[in-house]
Amino acid sequence: MMALPEVLKFIVRYVFGTNNLINLGERACLLTLYFGRFNIR
């Protein structure tokens, strides 16, 4: 697992790396699903 600051920088680049709103929506969904796995108890 990467250090939290590195993860945050990665997310910022990943989310704001494009101005395409469709891609933003898809990436937001992917990030939600990705981090949702860690929240499952």
Protein backbone atom coordinates (compact mmCIF):
# COMPACT_ATOMS: atom_id res chain seq x y z
CA MET A 1 0.00 0.00 0.00
CA MET A 2 1.35 3.40 -0.93
CA ALA A 3 1.83 6.13 1.64
CA LEU A 4 -1.28 8.26 2.04
CA PRO A 5 0.26 11.49 0.64
CA GLU A 6 1.36 9.57 -2.46
CA VAL A 7 -2.15 8.15 -2.83
CA LEU A 8 -3.67 11.63 -2.55
CA LYS A 9 -1.27 13.03 -5.16
CA PHE A 10 -2.07 10.08 -7.42
CA ILE A 11 -5.81 10.68 -7.02
CA VAL A 12 -5.42 14.40 -7.77
CA ARG A 13 -3.47 13.66 -10.96
CA TYR A 14 -5.86 10.83 -11.87
CA VAL A 15 -9.05 12.84 -11.37
CA PHE A 16 -7.89 16.25 -12.59
CA GLY A 17 -5.65 14.90 -15.35
CA THR A 18 -8.50 15.41 -17.83
CA ASN A 19 -11.16 18.00 -18.54
CA ASN A 20 -13.46 15.39 -20.03
CA LEU A 21 -16.53 15.29 -17.76
CA ILE A 22 -17.49 11.82 -18.97
CA ASN A 23 -14.07 10.50 -18.03
CA LEU A 24 -14.33 12.31 -14.69
CA GLY A 25 -17.61 10.54 -13.99
CA GLU A 26 -16.21 7.15 -14.96
CA ARG A 27 -13.08 7.70 -12.89
CA ALA A 28 -15.12 8.83 -9.90
CA CYS A 29 -17.15 5.61 -10.13
CA LEU A 30 -13.99 3.51 -10.46
CA LEU A 31 -12.39 5.24 -7.47
CA THR A 32 -15.57 4.75 -5.44
CA LEU A 33 -15.66 1.05 -6.30
CA TYR A 34 -11.91 0.71 -5.66
CA PHE A 35 -12.02 2.30 -2.20
CA GLY A 36 -15.39 0.69 -1.46
CA ARG A 37 -13.62 -2.67 -1.31
CA PHE A 38 -11.65 -1.49 1.72
CA ASN A 39 -14.80 -0.41 3.54
CA ILE A 40 -16.47 -3.82 3.38
CA ARG A 41 -16.45 -5.48 6.78
